[in-house]
């Protein structure tokens, strides 16, 4: 696995979302019910930055067309079938930081 970056937990307070720079697609990092999650930041539909979208509960809405993705799974929630799910990355709490790792191409993550 490759280290993508670290985010201080204080930056993720409330419903905050943070964009980690990791070309070419960058990574959106968020806490959901205290657990860390990371998905590819560029919307699979049109490439807009999801970290600039609106968060409601466990979902983020793309700022360009409103497509909603689940932050915990990367799954496209609405509208169904219009684009692929967002790729998930590994996010773990280490002390006062959330550390994000890229598991590599072809690796599918299951569970929270």
PDB file of N, CA and C in Angstrom:
ATOM      1  N   UNK A   1       0.845  -1.189   0.000  1.00  0.00           N
ATOM      2  CA  UNK A   1       0.000   0.000   0.000  1.00  0.00           C
ATOM      3  C   UNK A   1       0.885   1.245   0.000  1.00  0.00           C
ATOM      4  N   UNK A   2       0.348   2.294  -0.574  1.00  0.00           N
ATOM      5  CA  UNK A   2       1.072   3.565  -0.680  1.00  0.00           C
ATOM      6  C   UNK A   2       0.396   4.609   0.207  1.00  0.00           C
ATOM      7  N   UNK A   3       1.191   5.320   1.004  1.00  0.00           N
ATOM      8  CA  UNK A   3       0.662   6.388   1.845  1.00  0.00           C
ATOM      9  C   UNK A   3       0.190   7.546   0.974  1.00  0.00           C
ATOM     10  N   UNK A   4      -1.063   7.949   1.172  1.00  0.00           N
ATOM     11  CA  UNK A   4      -1.629   9.097   0.450  1.00  0.00           C
ATOM     12  C   UNK A   4      -1.428  10.371   1.259  1.00  0.00           C
ATOM     13  N   UNK A   5      -1.723  10.322   2.554  1.00  0.00           N
ATOM     14  CA  UNK A   5      -1.559  11.508   3.384  1.00  0.00           C
ATOM     15  C   UNK A   5      -2.194  11.367   4.748  1.00  0.00           C
ATOM     16  N   UNK A   6      -2.086  12.444   5.511  1.00  0.00           N
ATOM     17  CA  UNK A   6      -2.594  12.489   6.881  1.00  0.00           C
ATOM     18  C   UNK A   6      -3.449  13.742   7.056  1.00  0.00           C
ATOM     19  N   UNK A   7      -4.523  13.597   7.825  1.00  0.00           N
ATOM     20  CA  UNK A   7      -5.410  14.725   8.103  1.00  0.00           C
ATOM     21  C   UNK A   7      -5.611  14.801   9.615  1.00  0.00           C
ATOM     22  N   UNK A   8      -5.359  15.962  10.222  1.00  0.00           N
ATOM     23  CA  UNK A   8      -5.661  16.096  11.653  1.00  0.00           C
ATOM     24  C   UNK A   8      -7.156  15.874  11.892  1.00  0.00           C
ATOM     25  N   UNK A   9      -7.489  15.091  12.900  1.00  0.00           N
ATOM     26  CA  UNK A   9      -8.905  14.800  13.185  1.00  0.00           C
ATOM     27  C   UNK A   9      -9.704  16.069  13.434  1.00  0.00           C
ATOM     28  N   UNK A  10      -9.065  17.112  13.961  1.00  0.00           N
ATOM     29  CA  UNK A  10      -9.771  18.365  14.224  1.00  0.00           C
ATOM     30  C   UNK A  10     -10.328  18.989  12.942  1.00  0.00           C
ATOM     31  N   UNK A  11      -9.669  18.745  11.797  1.00  0.00           N
ATOM     32  CA  UNK A  11     -10.150  19.279  10.513  1.00  0.00           C
ATOM     33  C   UNK A  11     -11.384  18.550  10.005  1.00  0.00           C
ATOM     34  N   UNK A  12     -11.704  17.404  10.632  1.00  0.00           N
ATOM     35  CA  UNK A  12     -12.847  16.606  10.205  1.00  0.00           C
ATOM     36  C   UNK A  12     -14.025  16.707  11.172  1.00  0.00           C
ATOM     37  N   UNK A  13     -13.970  17.686  12.064  1.00  0.00           N
ATOM     38  CA  UNK A  13     -15.030  17.862  13.056  1.00  0.00           C
ATOM     39  C   UNK A  13     -16.362  18.176  12.377  1.00  0.00           C
ATOM     40  N   UNK A  14     -17.445  17.805  13.055  1.00  0.00           N
ATOM     41  CA  UNK A  14     -18.773  18.042  12.489  1.00  0.00           C
ATOM     42  C   UNK A  14     -18.950  17.164  11.255  1.00  0.00           C
ATOM     43  N   UNK A  15     -19.399  17.761  10.185  1.00  0.00           N
ATOM     44  CA  UNK A  15     -19.564  17.035   8.922  1.00  0.00           C
ATOM     45  C   UNK A  15     -18.531  17.475   7.894  1.00  0.00           C
ATOM     46  N   UNK A  16     -17.380  17.956   8.363  1.00  0.00           N
ATOM     47  CA  UNK A  16     -16.357  18.464   7.445  1.00  0.00           C
ATOM     48  C   UNK A  16     -15.802  17.350   6.558  1.00  0.00           C
ATOM     49  N   UNK A  17     -15.449  17.733   5.355  1.00  0.00           N
ATOM     50  CA  UNK A  17     -14.793  16.841   4.405  1.00  0.00           C
ATOM     51  C   UNK A  17     -13.505  17.525   3.967  1.00  0.00           C
ATOM     52  N   UNK A  18     -12.431  16.755   3.834  1.00  0.00           N
ATOM     53  CA  UNK A  18     -11.132  17.303   3.465  1.00  0.00           C
ATOM     54  C   UNK A  18     -10.662  16.622   2.186  1.00  0.00           C
ATOM     55  N   UNK A  19     -10.070  17.417   1.302  1.00  0.00           N
ATOM     56  CA  UNK A  19      -9.507  16.892   0.061  1.00  0.00           C
ATOM     57  C   UNK A  19      -7.992  16.745   0.233  1.00  0.00           C
ATOM     58  N   UNK A  20      -7.512  15.519   0.067  1.00  0.00           N
ATOM     59  CA  UNK A  20      -6.074  15.264   0.068  1.00  0.00           C
ATOM     60  C   UNK A  20      -5.595  15.283  -1.384  1.00  0.00           C
ATOM     61  N   UNK A  21      -4.559  16.041  -1.654  1.00  0.00           N
ATOM     62  CA  UNK A  21      -4.015  16.111  -3.005  1.00  0.00           C
ATOM     63  C   UNK A  21      -3.229  14.833  -3.277  1.00  0.00           C
ATOM     64  N   UNK A  22      -3.670  14.101  -4.292  1.00  0.00           N
ATOM     65  CA  UNK A  22      -3.027  12.851  -4.694  1.00  0.00           C
ATOM     66  C   UNK A  22      -3.349  12.619  -6.173  1.00  0.00           C
ATOM     67  N   UNK A  23      -2.634  13.338  -7.064  1.00  0.00           N
ATOM     68  CA  UNK A  23      -2.954  13.262  -8.501  1.00  0.00           C
ATOM     69  C   UNK A  23      -2.995  11.815  -9.005  1.00  0.00           C
ATOM     70  N   UNK A  24      -3.859  11.505  -9.947  1.00  0.00           N
ATOM     71  CA  UNK A  24      -4.626  12.468 -10.731  1.00  0.00           C
ATOM     72  C   UNK A  24      -6.028  12.733 -10.201  1.00  0.00           C
ATOM     73  N   UNK A  25      -6.525  11.960  -9.209  1.00  0.00           N
ATOM     74  CA  UNK A  25      -7.927  12.117  -8.829  1.00  0.00           C
ATOM     75  C   UNK A  25      -8.157  12.654  -7.428  1.00  0.00           C
ATOM     76  N   UNK A  26      -7.160  12.743  -6.591  1.00  0.00           N
ATOM     77  CA  UNK A  26      -7.256  13.244  -5.231  1.00  0.00           C
ATOM     78  C   UNK A  26      -8.207  12.381  -4.399  1.00  0.00           C
ATOM     79  N   UNK A  27      -8.284  12.671  -3.098  1.00  0.00           N
ATOM     80  CA  UNK A  27      -9.026  11.817  -2.177  1.00  0.00           C
ATOM     81  C   UNK A  27      -9.866  12.671  -1.237  1.00  0.00           C
ATOM     82  N   UNK A  28     -11.112  12.281  -1.045  1.00  0.00           N
ATOM     83  CA  UNK A  28     -12.003  12.924  -0.085  1.00  0.00           C
ATOM     84  C   UNK A  28     -11.945  12.112   1.203  1.00  0.00           C
ATOM     85  N   UNK A  29     -11.737  12.798   2.330  1.00  0.00           N
ATOM     86  CA  UNK A  29     -11.652  12.142   3.634  1.00  0.00           C
ATOM     87  C   UNK A  29     -12.737  12.726   4.533  1.00  0.00           C
ATOM     88  N   UNK A  30     -13.430  11.850   5.271  1.00  0.00           N
ATOM     89  CA  UNK A  30     -14.490  12.300   6.174  1.00  0.00           C
ATOM     90  C   UNK A  30     -14.629  11.312   7.327  1.00  0.00           C
ATOM     91  N   UNK A  31     -15.178  11.802   8.422  1.00  0.00           N
ATOM     92  CA  UNK A  31     -15.566  10.935   9.532  1.00  0.00           C
ATOM     93  C   UNK A  31     -17.070  10.724   9.448  1.00  0.00           C
ATOM     94  N   UNK A  32     -17.492   9.481   9.599  1.00  0.00           N
ATOM     95  CA  UNK A  32     -18.912   9.158   9.654  1.00  0.00           C
ATOM     96  C   UNK A  32     -19.134   8.412  10.953  1.00  0.00           C
ATOM     97  N   UNK A  33     -19.897   9.041  11.847  1.00  0.00           N
ATOM     98  CA  UNK A  33     -20.139   8.479  13.179  1.00  0.00           C
ATOM     99  C   UNK A  33     -18.827   8.110  13.866  1.00  0.00           C
ATOM    100  N   UNK A  34     -17.822   8.975  13.693  1.00  0.00           N
ATOM    101  CA  UNK A  34     -16.532   8.813  14.355  1.00  0.00           C
ATOM    102  C   UNK A  34     -15.529   7.914  13.650  1.00  0.00           C
ATOM    103  N   UNK A  35     -15.961   7.215  12.602  1.00  0.00           N
ATOM    104  CA  UNK A  35     -15.057   6.337  11.856  1.00  0.00           C
ATOM    105  C   UNK A  35     -14.580   7.039  10.590  1.00  0.00           C
ATOM    106  N   UNK A  36     -13.309   6.839  10.227  1.00  0.00           N
ATOM    107  CA  UNK A  36     -12.762   7.508   9.050  1.00  0.00           C
ATOM    108  C   UNK A  36     -13.051   6.742   7.754  1.00  0.00           C
ATOM    109  N   UNK A  37     -13.312   7.510   6.691  1.00  0.00           N
ATOM    110  CA  UNK A  37     -13.538   6.936   5.373  1.00  0.00           C
ATOM    111  C   UNK A  37     -12.859   7.808   4.332  1.00  0.00           C
ATOM    112  N   UNK A  38     -12.444   7.186   3.236  1.00  0.00           N
ATOM    113  CA  UNK A  38     -11.790   7.908   2.147  1.00  0.00           C
ATOM    114  C   UNK A  38     -12.248   7.318   0.816  1.00  0.00           C
ATOM    115  N   UNK A  39     -12.654   8.202  -0.097  1.00  0.00           N
ATOM    116  CA  UNK A  39     -13.046   7.799  -1.445  1.00  0.00           C
ATOM    117  C   UNK A  39     -12.371   8.729  -2.441  1.00  0.00           C
ATOM    118  N   UNK A  40     -12.304   8.281  -3.685  1.00  0.00           N
ATOM    119  CA  UNK A  40     -11.743   9.128  -4.731  1.00  0.00           C
ATOM    120  C   UNK A  40     -12.572  10.408  -4.815  1.00  0.00           C
ATOM    121  N   UNK A  41     -11.900  11.551  -4.892  1.00  0.00           N
ATOM    122  CA  UNK A  41     -12.571  12.848  -4.842  1.00  0.00           C
ATOM    123  C   UNK A  41     -13.222  13.246  -6.163  1.00  0.00           C
ATOM    124  N   UNK A  42     -12.662  12.857  -7.292  1.00  0.00           N
ATOM    125  CA  UNK A  42     -13.206  13.244  -8.596  1.00  0.00           C
ATOM    126  C   UNK A  42     -14.431  12.393  -8.913  1.00  0.00           C
ATOM    127  N   UNK A  43     -15.578  13.039  -9.058  1.00  0.00           N
ATOM    128  CA  UNK A  43     -16.821  12.330  -9.371  1.00  0.00           C
ATOM    129  C   UNK A  43     -16.639  11.514 -10.652  1.00  0.00           C
ATOM    130  N   UNK A  44     -17.049  10.264 -10.611  1.00  0.00           N
ATOM    131  CA  UNK A  44     -16.928   9.384 -11.776  1.00  0.00           C
ATOM    132  C   UNK A  44     -17.771   9.841 -12.956  1.00  0.00           C
ATOM    133  N   UNK A  45     -18.764  10.662 -12.710  1.00  0.00           N
ATOM    134  CA  UNK A  45     -19.635  11.115 -13.798  1.00  0.00           C
ATOM    135  C   UNK A  45     -18.990  12.205 -14.637  1.00  0.00           C
ATOM    136  N   UNK A  46     -18.526  13.287 -13.992  1.00  0.00           N
ATOM    137  CA  UNK A  46     -18.001  14.421 -14.765  1.00  0.00           C
ATOM    138  C   UNK A  46     -16.714  15.011 -14.191  1.00  0.00           C
ATOM    139  N   UNK A  47     -16.153  14.392 -13.153  1.00  0.00           N
ATOM    140  CA  UNK A  47     -14.860  14.821 -12.650  1.00  0.00           C
ATOM    141  C   UNK A  47     -14.850  15.943 -11.633  1.00  0.00           C
ATOM    142  N   UNK A  48     -16.013  16.433 -11.213  1.00  0.00           N
ATOM    143  CA  UNK A  48     -16.062  17.517 -10.224  1.00  0.00           C
ATOM    144  C   UNK A  48     -15.549  17.013  -8.874  1.00  0.00           C
ATOM    145  N   UNK A  49     -15.021  17.930  -8.065  1.00  0.00           N
ATOM    146  CA  UNK A  49     -14.496  17.583  -6.748  1.00  0.00           C
ATOM    147  C   UNK A  49     -15.643  17.361  -5.765  1.00  0.00           C
ATOM    148  N   UNK A  50     -15.793  16.123  -5.296  1.00  0.00           N
ATOM    149  CA  UNK A  50     -16.862  15.817  -4.344  1.00  0.00           C
ATOM    150  C   UNK A  50     -16.663  16.535  -3.019  1.00  0.00           C
ATOM    151  N   UNK A  51     -15.420  16.852  -2.657  1.00  0.00           N
ATOM    152  CA  UNK A  51     -15.164  17.546  -1.391  1.00  0.00           C
ATOM    153  C   UNK A  51     -15.765  18.953  -1.398  1.00  0.00           C
ATOM    154  N   UNK A  52     -16.123  19.447  -2.561  1.00  0.00           N
ATOM    155  CA  UNK A  52     -16.790  20.754  -2.679  1.00  0.00           C
ATOM    156  C   UNK A  52     -18.309  20.612  -2.685  1.00  0.00           C
ATOM    157  N   UNK A  53     -18.793  19.377  -2.585  1.00  0.00           N
ATOM    158  CA  UNK A  53     -20.226  19.120  -2.602  1.00  0.00           C
ATOM    159  C   UNK A  53     -20.859  19.263  -1.235  1.00  0.00           C
ATOM    160  N   UNK A  54     -22.150  19.033  -1.191  1.00  0.00           N
ATOM    161  CA  UNK A  54     -22.912  19.134   0.051  1.00  0.00           C
ATOM    162  C   UNK A  54     -23.029  17.761   0.696  1.00  0.00           C
ATOM    163  N   UNK A  55     -22.761  17.720   1.989  1.00  0.00           N
ATOM    164  CA  UNK A  55     -22.860  16.466   2.729  1.00  0.00           C
ATOM    165  C   UNK A  55     -24.165  16.423   3.499  1.00  0.00           C
ATOM    166  N   UNK A  56     -24.845  15.277   3.387  1.00  0.00           N
ATOM    167  CA  UNK A  56     -26.049  15.019   4.180  1.00  0.00           C
ATOM    168  C   UNK A  56     -25.923  13.613   4.736  1.00  0.00           C
ATOM    169  N   UNK A  57     -25.732  13.527   6.048  1.00  0.00           N
ATOM    170  CA  UNK A  57     -25.579  12.218   6.688  1.00  0.00           C
ATOM    171  C   UNK A  57     -24.353  11.495   6.190  1.00  0.00           C
ATOM    172  N   UNK A  58     -24.566  10.294   5.649  1.00  0.00           N
ATOM    173  CA  UNK A  58     -23.452   9.488   5.167  1.00  0.00           C
ATOM    174  C   UNK A  58     -23.165   9.716   3.686  1.00  0.00           C
ATOM    175  N   UNK A  59     -23.869  10.653   3.065  1.00  0.00           N
ATOM    176  CA  UNK A  59     -23.715  10.872   1.621  1.00  0.00           C
ATOM    177  C   UNK A  59     -23.156  12.257   1.299  1.00  0.00           C
ATOM    178  N   UNK A  60     -22.502  12.323   0.132  1.00  0.00           N
ATOM    179  CA  UNK A  60     -22.031  13.592  -0.410  1.00  0.00           C
ATOM    180  C   UNK A  60     -22.640  13.744  -1.795  1.00  0.00           C
ATOM    181  N   UNK A  61     -23.091  14.964  -2.104  1.00  0.00           N
ATOM    182  CA  UNK A  61     -23.668  15.249  -3.416  1.00  0.00           C
ATOM    183  C   UNK A  61     -22.644  15.978  -4.273  1.00  0.00           C
ATOM    184  N   UNK A  62     -22.468  15.513  -5.493  1.00  0.00           N
ATOM    185  CA  UNK A  62     -21.556  16.154  -6.429  1.00  0.00           C
ATOM    186  C   UNK A  62     -22.038  17.579  -6.693  1.00  0.00           C
ATOM    187  N   UNK A  63     -21.136  18.568  -6.635  1.00  0.00           N
ATOM    188  CA  UNK A  63     -21.550  19.960  -6.829  1.00  0.00           C
ATOM    189  C   UNK A  63     -21.955  20.268  -8.274  1.00  0.00           C
ATOM    190  N   UNK A  64     -21.598  19.397  -9.218  1.00  0.00           N
ATOM    191  CA  UNK A  64     -21.913  19.681 -10.611  1.00  0.00           C
ATOM    192  C   UNK A  64     -23.327  19.234 -11.002  1.00  0.00           C
ATOM    193  N   UNK A  65     -23.671  17.981 -10.735  1.00  0.00           N
ATOM    194  CA  UNK A  65     -24.969  17.454 -11.175  1.00  0.00           C
ATOM    195  C   UNK A  65     -25.805  16.850 -10.052  1.00  0.00           C
ATOM    196  N   UNK A  66     -25.281  16.867  -8.814  1.00  0.00           N
ATOM    197  CA  UNK A  66     -26.064  16.386  -7.682  1.00  0.00           C
ATOM    198  C   UNK A  66     -26.040  14.882  -7.457  1.00  0.00           C
ATOM    199  N   UNK A  67     -25.237  14.139  -8.210  1.00  0.00           N
ATOM    200  CA  UNK A  67     -25.145  12.698  -7.970  1.00  0.00           C
ATOM    201  C   UNK A  67     -24.711  12.482  -6.528  1.00  0.00           C
ATOM    202  N   UNK A  68     -25.346  11.525  -5.842  1.00  0.00           N
ATOM    203  CA  UNK A  68     -25.046  11.284  -4.432  1.00  0.00           C
ATOM    204  C   UNK A  68     -24.292   9.971  -4.252  1.00  0.00           C
ATOM    205  N   UNK A  69     -23.208  10.053  -3.474  1.00  0.00           N
ATOM    206  CA  UNK A  69     -22.375   8.887  -3.186  1.00  0.00           C
ATOM    207  C   UNK A  69     -22.307   8.666  -1.686  1.00  0.00           C
ATOM    208  N   UNK A  70     -22.332   7.397  -1.279  1.00  0.00           N
ATOM    209  CA  UNK A  70     -22.193   7.040   0.128  1.00  0.00           C
ATOM    210  C   UNK A  70     -20.711   7.152   0.506  1.00  0.00           C
ATOM    211  N   UNK A  71     -20.424   7.934   1.529  1.00  0.00           N
ATOM    212  CA  UNK A  71     -19.043   8.145   1.958  1.00  0.00           C
ATOM    213  C   UNK A  71     -18.409   6.877   2.543  1.00  0.00           C
ATOM    214  N   UNK A  72     -19.222   5.972   3.074  1.00  0.00           N
ATOM    215  CA  UNK A  72     -18.678   4.785   3.728  1.00  0.00           C
ATOM    216  C   UNK A  72     -18.353   3.656   2.760  1.00  0.00           C
ATOM    217  N   UNK A  73     -18.979   3.672   1.585  1.00  0.00           N
ATOM    218  CA  UNK A  73     -18.785   2.587   0.613  1.00  0.00           C
ATOM    219  C   UNK A  73     -18.335   3.075  -0.754  1.00  0.00           C
ATOM    220  N   UNK A  74     -18.545   4.365  -1.045  1.00  0.00           N
ATOM    221  CA  UNK A  74     -18.267   4.897  -2.369  1.00  0.00           C
ATOM    222  C   UNK A  74     -19.383   4.615  -3.357  1.00  0.00           C
ATOM    223  N   UNK A  75     -20.425   3.932  -2.902  1.00  0.00           N
ATOM    224  CA  UNK A  75     -21.516   3.527  -3.786  1.00  0.00           C
ATOM    225  C   UNK A  75     -22.326   4.725  -4.291  1.00  0.00           C
ATOM    226  N   UNK A  76     -22.663   4.689  -5.590  1.00  0.00           N
ATOM    227  CA  UNK A  76     -23.567   5.676  -6.159  1.00  0.00           C
ATOM    228  C   UNK A  76     -24.963   5.386  -5.622  1.00  0.00           C
ATOM    229  N   UNK A  77     -25.544   6.351  -4.896  1.00  0.00           N
ATOM    230  CA  UNK A  77     -26.850   6.177  -4.280  1.00  0.00           C
ATOM    231  C   UNK A  77     -27.952   6.676  -5.205  1.00  0.00           C
ATOM    232  N   UNK A  78     -27.668   7.792  -5.895  1.00  0.00           N
ATOM    233  CA  UNK A  78     -28.692   8.403  -6.752  1.00  0.00           C
ATOM    234  C   UNK A  78     -28.041   9.299  -7.791  1.00  0.00           C
ATOM    235  N   UNK A  79     -28.410   9.241  -9.041  1.00  0.00           N
ATOM    236  CA  UNK A  79     -29.315   8.285  -9.688  1.00  0.00           C
ATOM    237  C   UNK A  79     -28.601   6.973  -9.963  1.00  0.00           C
ATOM    238  N   UNK A  80     -29.270   5.900  -9.759  1.00  0.00           N
ATOM    239  CA  UNK A  80     -28.701   4.562  -9.939  1.00  0.00           C
ATOM    240  C   UNK A  80     -28.319   4.313 -11.397  1.00  0.00           C
ATOM    241  N   UNK A  81     -27.136   3.696 -11.593  1.00  0.00           N
ATOM    242  CA  UNK A  81     -26.752   3.224 -12.909  1.00  0.00           C
ATOM    243  C   UNK A  81     -26.184   4.243 -13.873  1.00  0.00           C
ATOM    244  N   UNK A  82     -26.009   5.501 -13.447  1.00  0.00           N
ATOM    245  CA  UNK A  82     -25.522   6.521 -14.375  1.00  0.00           C
ATOM    246  C   UNK A  82     -24.009   6.620 -14.437  1.00  0.00           C
ATOM    247  N   UNK A  83     -23.316   6.111 -13.420  1.00  0.00           N
ATOM    248  CA  UNK A  83     -21.860   6.070 -13.438  1.00  0.00           C
ATOM    249  C   UNK A  83     -21.402   5.027 -12.424  1.00  0.00           C
ATOM    250  N   UNK A  84     -20.121   4.766 -12.409  1.00  0.00           N
ATOM    251  CA  UNK A  84     -19.571   3.782 -11.475  1.00  0.00           C
ATOM    252  C   UNK A  84     -19.537   4.336 -10.056  1.00  0.00           C
ATOM    253  N   UNK A  85     -19.361   3.436  -9.102  1.00  0.00           N
ATOM    254  CA  UNK A  85     -19.137   3.834  -7.715  1.00  0.00           C
ATOM    255  C   UNK A  85     -17.770   4.502  -7.606  1.00  0.00           C
ATOM    256  N   UNK A  86     -17.571   5.275  -6.556  1.00  0.00           N
ATOM    257  CA  UNK A  86     -16.276   5.887  -6.284  1.00  0.00           C
ATOM    258  C   UNK A  86     -15.344   4.835  -5.687  1.00  0.00           C
ATOM    259  N   UNK A  87     -14.075   4.905  -6.035  1.00  0.00           N
ATOM    260  CA  UNK A  87     -13.087   3.979  -5.494  1.00  0.00           C
ATOM    261  C   UNK A  87     -12.820   4.306  -4.030  1.00  0.00           C
ATOM    262  N   UNK A  88     -12.784   3.283  -3.187  1.00  0.00           N
ATOM    263  CA  UNK A  88     -12.485   3.454  -1.763  1.00  0.00           C
ATOM    264  C   UNK A  88     -11.006   3.302  -1.504  1.00  0.00           C
ATOM    265  N   UNK A  89     -10.538   4.020  -0.499  1.00  0.00           N
ATOM    266  CA  UNK A  89      -9.169   3.880  -0.027  1.00  0.00           C
ATOM    267  C   UNK A  89      -9.220   3.487   1.442  1.00  0.00           C
ATOM    268  N   UNK A  90      -8.089   3.111   1.991  1.00  0.00           N
ATOM    269  CA  UNK A  90      -8.015   2.696   3.389  1.00  0.00           C
ATOM    270  C   UNK A  90      -7.787   3.934   4.253  1.00  0.00           C
ATOM    271  N   UNK A  91      -8.629   4.117   5.268  1.00  0.00           N
ATOM    272  CA  UNK A  91      -8.493   5.242   6.198  1.00  0.00           C
ATOM    273  C   UNK A  91      -8.495   4.689   7.620  1.00  0.00           C
ATOM    274  N   UNK A  92      -7.504   5.084   8.390  1.00  0.00           N
ATOM    275  CA  UNK A  92      -7.363   4.598   9.767  1.00  0.00           C
ATOM    276  C   UNK A  92      -7.020   5.766  10.692  1.00  0.00           C
ATOM    277  N   UNK A  93      -7.514   5.687  11.919  1.00  0.00           N
ATOM    278  CA  UNK A  93      -7.163   6.688  12.927  1.00  0.00           C
ATOM    279  C   UNK A  93      -5.868   6.241  13.591  1.00  0.00           C
ATOM    280  N   UNK A  94      -4.895   7.150  13.600  1.00  0.00           N
ATOM    281  CA  UNK A  94      -3.632   6.927  14.296  1.00  0.00           C
ATOM    282  C   UNK A  94      -3.382   8.150  15.165  1.00  0.00           C
ATOM    283  N   UNK A  95      -3.606   8.003  16.462  1.00  0.00           N
ATOM    284  CA  UNK A  95      -3.461   9.134  17.375  1.00  0.00           C
ATOM    285  C   UNK A  95      -4.492  10.201  17.054  1.00  0.00           C
ATOM    286  N   UNK A  96      -4.023  11.394  16.769  1.00  0.00           N
ATOM    287  CA  UNK A  96      -4.925  12.520  16.473  1.00  0.00           C
ATOM    288  C   UNK A  96      -5.056  12.786  14.975  1.00  0.00           C
ATOM    289  N   UNK A  97      -4.673  11.790  14.158  1.00  0.00           N
ATOM    290  CA  UNK A  97      -4.737  11.954  12.706  1.00  0.00           C
ATOM    291  C   UNK A  97      -5.511  10.812  12.059  1.00  0.00           C
ATOM    292  N   UNK A  98      -6.062  11.120  10.882  1.00  0.00           N
ATOM    293  CA  UNK A  98      -6.581  10.081  10.007  1.00  0.00           C
ATOM    294  C   UNK A  98      -5.526   9.879   8.927  1.00  0.00           C
ATOM    295  N   UNK A  99      -5.075   8.649   8.781  1.00  0.00           N
ATOM    296  CA  UNK A  99      -4.047   8.307   7.806  1.00  0.00           C
ATOM    297  C   UNK A  99      -4.719   7.544   6.663  1.00  0.00           C
ATOM    298  N   UNK A 100      -4.424   7.963   5.433  1.00  0.00           N
ATOM    299  CA  UNK A 100      -5.060   7.371   4.254  1.00  0.00           C
ATOM    300  C   UNK A 100      -4.018   6.648   3.416  1.00  0.00           C
ATOM    301  N   UNK A 101      -4.356   5.429   3.013  1.00  0.00           N
ATOM    302  CA  UNK A 101      -3.488   4.570   2.211  1.00  0.00           C
ATOM    303  C   UNK A 101      -4.213   4.172   0.936  1.00  0.00           C
ATOM    304  N   UNK A 102      -3.481   4.101  -0.151  1.00  0.00           N
ATOM    305  CA  UNK A 102      -4.009   3.604  -1.419  1.00  0.00           C
ATOM    306  C   UNK A 102      -3.621   2.132  -1.519  1.00  0.00           C
ATOM    307  N   UNK A 103      -4.615   1.227  -1.550  1.00  0.00           N
ATOM    308  CA  UNK A 103      -4.295  -0.196  -1.592  1.00  0.00           C
ATOM    309  C   UNK A 103      -3.775  -0.667  -2.945  1.00  0.00           C
ATOM    310  N   UNK A 104      -3.885   0.173  -3.964  1.00  0.00           N
ATOM    311  CA  UNK A 104      -3.391  -0.190  -5.290  1.00  0.00           C
ATOM    312  C   UNK A 104      -4.506  -0.550  -6.246  1.00  0.00           C
ATOM    313  N   UNK A 105      -4.179  -0.549  -7.512  1.00  0.00           N
ATOM    314  CA  UNK A 105      -5.150  -0.851  -8.558  1.00  0.00           C
ATOM    315  C   UNK A 105      -5.622  -2.293  -8.446  1.00  0.00           C
ATOM    316  N   UNK A 106      -6.885  -2.489  -8.721  1.00  0.00           N
ATOM    317  CA  UNK A 106      -7.431  -3.839  -8.739  1.00  0.00           C
ATOM    318  C   UNK A 106      -7.796  -4.385  -7.379  1.00  0.00           C
ATOM    319  N   UNK A 107      -7.616  -3.615  -6.314  1.00  0.00           N
ATOM    320  CA  UNK A 107      -7.966  -4.070  -4.968  1.00  0.00           C
ATOM    321  C   UNK A 107      -9.328  -3.519  -4.606  1.00  0.00           C
ATOM    322  N   UNK A 108     -10.244  -4.397  -4.218  1.00  0.00           N
ATOM    323  CA  UNK A 108     -11.585  -3.990  -3.813  1.00  0.00           C
ATOM    324  C   UNK A 108     -11.683  -4.122  -2.306  1.00  0.00           C
ATOM    325  N   UNK A 109     -12.146  -3.048  -1.664  1.00  0.00           N
ATOM    326  CA  UNK A 109     -12.305  -3.064  -0.209  1.00  0.00           C
ATOM    327  C   UNK A 109     -13.737  -3.437   0.144  1.00  0.00           C
ATOM    328  N   UNK A 110     -13.890  -4.247   1.162  1.00  0.00           N
ATOM    329  CA  UNK A 110     -15.205  -4.648   1.643  1.00  0.00           C
ATOM    330  C   UNK A 110     -15.359  -4.250   3.097  1.00  0.00           C
ATOM    331  N   UNK A 111     -16.570  -3.940   3.500  1.00  0.00           N
ATOM    332  CA  UNK A 111     -16.833  -3.582   4.886  1.00  0.00           C
ATOM    333  C   UNK A 111     -16.366  -2.176   5.215  1.00  0.00           C
ATOM    334  N   UNK A 112     -16.716  -1.697   6.415  1.00  0.00           N
ATOM    335  CA  UNK A 112     -16.350  -0.333   6.802  1.00  0.00           C
ATOM    336  C   UNK A 112     -14.918  -0.116   7.065  1.00  0.00           C
TER     337      UNK A 112
END
